[in-house]
């Protein structure tokens, strides 16, 4: 599971990952992360991305490749 939140005043996108991820979840994360950046009126490279993987487990190689 991946949740995405934005903090526009800090130009920050924060993601929290937990459990065993699917490729579909990685694809959804990409869309949500880009959507959060666009909502802040920023472009690629104009924001910070902080990912908390404290509750994630070792992932399948296909999922790693999808990132």
N, C-alpha and C. Protein backbone atom coordinates (compact mmCIF):
# COMPACT_ATOMS: atom_id res chain seq x y z
N UNK A 1 0.84 -1.17 0.00
CA UNK A 1 0.00 0.00 0.00
C UNK A 1 0.89 1.24 0.00
N UNK A 2 0.49 2.23 -0.77
CA UNK A 2 1.22 3.50 -0.84
C UNK A 2 0.22 4.63 -0.68
N UNK A 3 0.51 5.54 0.24
CA UNK A 3 -0.30 6.75 0.36
C UNK A 3 0.57 7.95 0.01
N UNK A 4 -0.03 8.94 -0.62
CA UNK A 4 0.69 10.12 -1.07
C UNK A 4 -0.01 11.36 -0.52
N UNK A 5 0.76 12.29 0.01
CA UNK A 5 0.23 13.57 0.50
C UNK A 5 1.20 14.67 0.07
N UNK A 6 0.66 15.87 -0.06
CA UNK A 6 1.49 17.00 -0.47
C UNK A 6 1.46 18.08 0.60
N UNK A 7 2.57 18.76 0.74
CA UNK A 7 2.70 19.93 1.60
C UNK A 7 3.18 21.08 0.73
N UNK A 8 2.22 21.80 0.10
CA UNK A 8 2.60 22.83 -0.87
C UNK A 8 3.53 23.91 -0.32
N UNK A 9 3.32 24.32 0.95
CA UNK A 9 4.16 25.39 1.51
C UNK A 9 5.63 24.96 1.62
N UNK A 10 5.88 23.66 1.63
CA UNK A 10 7.25 23.15 1.70
C UNK A 10 7.72 22.56 0.37
N UNK A 11 6.83 22.59 -0.65
CA UNK A 11 7.11 21.98 -1.96
C UNK A 11 7.51 20.51 -1.76
N UNK A 12 6.73 19.82 -0.93
CA UNK A 12 7.06 18.46 -0.51
C UNK A 12 5.94 17.50 -0.87
N UNK A 13 6.32 16.37 -1.44
CA UNK A 13 5.41 15.25 -1.63
C UNK A 13 5.90 14.16 -0.69
N UNK A 14 4.99 13.67 0.14
CA UNK A 14 5.34 12.66 1.14
C UNK A 14 4.60 11.37 0.81
N UNK A 15 5.32 10.27 0.71
CA UNK A 15 4.72 8.97 0.43
C UNK A 15 5.06 8.01 1.56
N UNK A 16 4.08 7.19 1.91
CA UNK A 16 4.29 6.17 2.93
C UNK A 16 4.00 4.82 2.29
N UNK A 17 4.96 3.90 2.34
CA UNK A 17 4.82 2.59 1.72
C UNK A 17 4.81 1.52 2.80
N UNK A 18 3.92 0.53 2.61
CA UNK A 18 3.86 -0.56 3.58
C UNK A 18 3.50 -1.85 2.86
N UNK A 19 3.97 -2.95 3.43
CA UNK A 19 3.64 -4.27 2.91
C UNK A 19 4.35 -4.60 1.62
N UNK A 20 3.79 -5.58 0.93
CA UNK A 20 4.31 -6.09 -0.33
C UNK A 20 3.56 -5.40 -1.45
N UNK A 21 4.26 -4.70 -2.34
CA UNK A 21 3.63 -3.88 -3.37
C UNK A 21 3.47 -4.64 -4.68
N UNK A 22 2.48 -4.23 -5.45
CA UNK A 22 2.27 -4.77 -6.79
C UNK A 22 2.76 -3.73 -7.81
N UNK A 23 2.95 -4.17 -9.03
CA UNK A 23 3.34 -3.24 -10.10
C UNK A 23 2.25 -2.20 -10.30
N UNK A 24 1.00 -2.61 -10.17
CA UNK A 24 -0.12 -1.67 -10.32
C UNK A 24 -0.05 -0.57 -9.26
N UNK A 25 0.35 -0.92 -8.04
CA UNK A 25 0.49 0.09 -6.98
C UNK A 25 1.63 1.06 -7.29
N UNK A 26 2.69 0.56 -7.86
CA UNK A 26 3.80 1.43 -8.26
C UNK A 26 3.35 2.39 -9.35
N UNK A 27 2.59 1.89 -10.31
CA UNK A 27 2.06 2.75 -11.38
C UNK A 27 1.12 3.81 -10.82
N UNK A 28 0.25 3.40 -9.87
CA UNK A 28 -0.67 4.35 -9.23
C UNK A 28 0.11 5.39 -8.43
N UNK A 29 1.16 4.97 -7.74
CA UNK A 29 2.01 5.90 -7.01
C UNK A 29 2.58 6.96 -7.94
N UNK A 30 3.06 6.53 -9.09
CA UNK A 30 3.64 7.47 -10.05
C UNK A 30 2.61 8.51 -10.48
N UNK A 31 1.39 8.07 -10.76
CA UNK A 31 0.33 9.00 -11.17
C UNK A 31 -0.01 9.96 -10.03
N UNK A 32 -0.11 9.45 -8.81
CA UNK A 32 -0.46 10.30 -7.66
C UNK A 32 0.65 11.29 -7.34
N UNK A 33 1.88 10.85 -7.43
CA UNK A 33 3.01 11.74 -7.15
C UNK A 33 3.05 12.87 -8.18
N UNK A 34 2.90 12.53 -9.45
CA UNK A 34 2.90 13.55 -10.49
C UNK A 34 1.70 14.49 -10.35
N UNK A 35 0.55 13.93 -9.99
CA UNK A 35 -0.64 14.75 -9.78
C UNK A 35 -0.45 15.73 -8.64
N UNK A 36 0.18 15.29 -7.55
CA UNK A 36 0.44 16.18 -6.41
C UNK A 36 1.37 17.31 -6.81
N UNK A 37 2.37 17.00 -7.61
CA UNK A 37 3.32 18.03 -8.07
C UNK A 37 2.60 19.04 -8.95
N UNK A 38 1.78 18.55 -9.87
CA UNK A 38 1.04 19.44 -10.77
C UNK A 38 0.05 20.32 -9.99
N UNK A 39 -0.62 19.77 -8.97
CA UNK A 39 -1.55 20.56 -8.16
C UNK A 39 -0.84 21.69 -7.44
N UNK A 40 0.43 21.48 -7.10
CA UNK A 40 1.20 22.54 -6.45
C UNK A 40 1.71 23.56 -7.45
N UNK A 41 1.49 23.31 -8.74
CA UNK A 41 1.96 24.23 -9.77
C UNK A 41 3.44 24.12 -10.04
N UNK A 42 4.01 22.97 -9.74
CA UNK A 42 5.44 22.76 -9.91
C UNK A 42 5.72 21.81 -11.06
N UNK A 43 6.95 21.81 -11.50
CA UNK A 43 7.40 20.88 -12.53
C UNK A 43 8.39 19.91 -11.93
N UNK A 44 8.80 18.96 -12.74
CA UNK A 44 9.78 17.98 -12.30
C UNK A 44 11.04 18.68 -11.79
N UNK A 45 11.52 18.25 -10.64
CA UNK A 45 12.74 18.83 -10.08
C UNK A 45 12.52 20.06 -9.21
N UNK A 46 11.28 20.55 -9.13
CA UNK A 46 11.01 21.73 -8.33
C UNK A 46 10.38 21.38 -6.97
N UNK A 47 10.43 20.13 -6.61
CA UNK A 47 9.84 19.67 -5.35
C UNK A 47 10.74 18.64 -4.69
N UNK A 48 10.43 18.35 -3.45
CA UNK A 48 11.12 17.29 -2.72
C UNK A 48 10.17 16.10 -2.60
N UNK A 49 10.71 14.91 -2.65
CA UNK A 49 9.94 13.69 -2.48
C UNK A 49 10.55 12.93 -1.31
N UNK A 50 9.74 12.72 -0.26
CA UNK A 50 10.17 12.00 0.92
C UNK A 50 9.34 10.72 1.01
N UNK A 51 10.01 9.58 1.07
CA UNK A 51 9.32 8.30 1.11
C UNK A 51 9.67 7.57 2.40
N UNK A 52 8.63 7.21 3.16
CA UNK A 52 8.78 6.43 4.38
C UNK A 52 8.54 4.97 4.02
N UNK A 53 9.58 4.15 4.10
CA UNK A 53 9.47 2.72 3.80
C UNK A 53 9.58 1.88 5.06
N UNK A 54 9.37 2.49 6.21
CA UNK A 54 9.54 1.81 7.48
C UNK A 54 8.65 0.58 7.65
N UNK A 55 7.50 0.56 7.02
CA UNK A 55 6.59 -0.57 7.14
C UNK A 55 6.54 -1.43 5.87
N UNK A 56 7.46 -1.20 4.96
CA UNK A 56 7.52 -2.01 3.74
C UNK A 56 8.40 -3.24 3.99
N UNK A 57 8.23 -4.22 3.14
CA UNK A 57 9.05 -5.42 3.22
C UNK A 57 9.94 -5.48 1.97
N UNK A 58 10.83 -6.44 1.92
CA UNK A 58 11.66 -6.62 0.74
C UNK A 58 10.73 -6.91 -0.44
N UNK A 59 10.94 -6.19 -1.54
CA UNK A 59 10.05 -6.25 -2.70
C UNK A 59 10.56 -7.19 -3.79
N UNK A 60 9.63 -7.62 -4.62
CA UNK A 60 9.97 -8.44 -5.78
C UNK A 60 10.81 -7.63 -6.76
N UNK A 61 11.68 -8.28 -7.50
CA UNK A 61 12.53 -7.60 -8.47
C UNK A 61 11.73 -6.84 -9.51
N UNK A 62 10.57 -7.38 -9.92
CA UNK A 62 9.71 -6.69 -10.90
C UNK A 62 9.21 -5.37 -10.36
N UNK A 63 8.89 -5.34 -9.08
CA UNK A 63 8.42 -4.10 -8.45
C UNK A 63 9.56 -3.10 -8.36
N UNK A 64 10.73 -3.54 -7.98
CA UNK A 64 11.90 -2.67 -7.93
C UNK A 64 12.18 -2.08 -9.31
N UNK A 65 12.11 -2.90 -10.33
CA UNK A 65 12.34 -2.43 -11.70
C UNK A 65 11.28 -1.41 -12.12
N UNK A 66 10.05 -1.58 -11.65
CA UNK A 66 8.97 -0.65 -12.01
C UNK A 66 9.21 0.74 -11.42
N UNK A 67 9.88 0.79 -10.27
CA UNK A 67 10.19 2.09 -9.68
C UNK A 67 11.19 2.82 -10.54
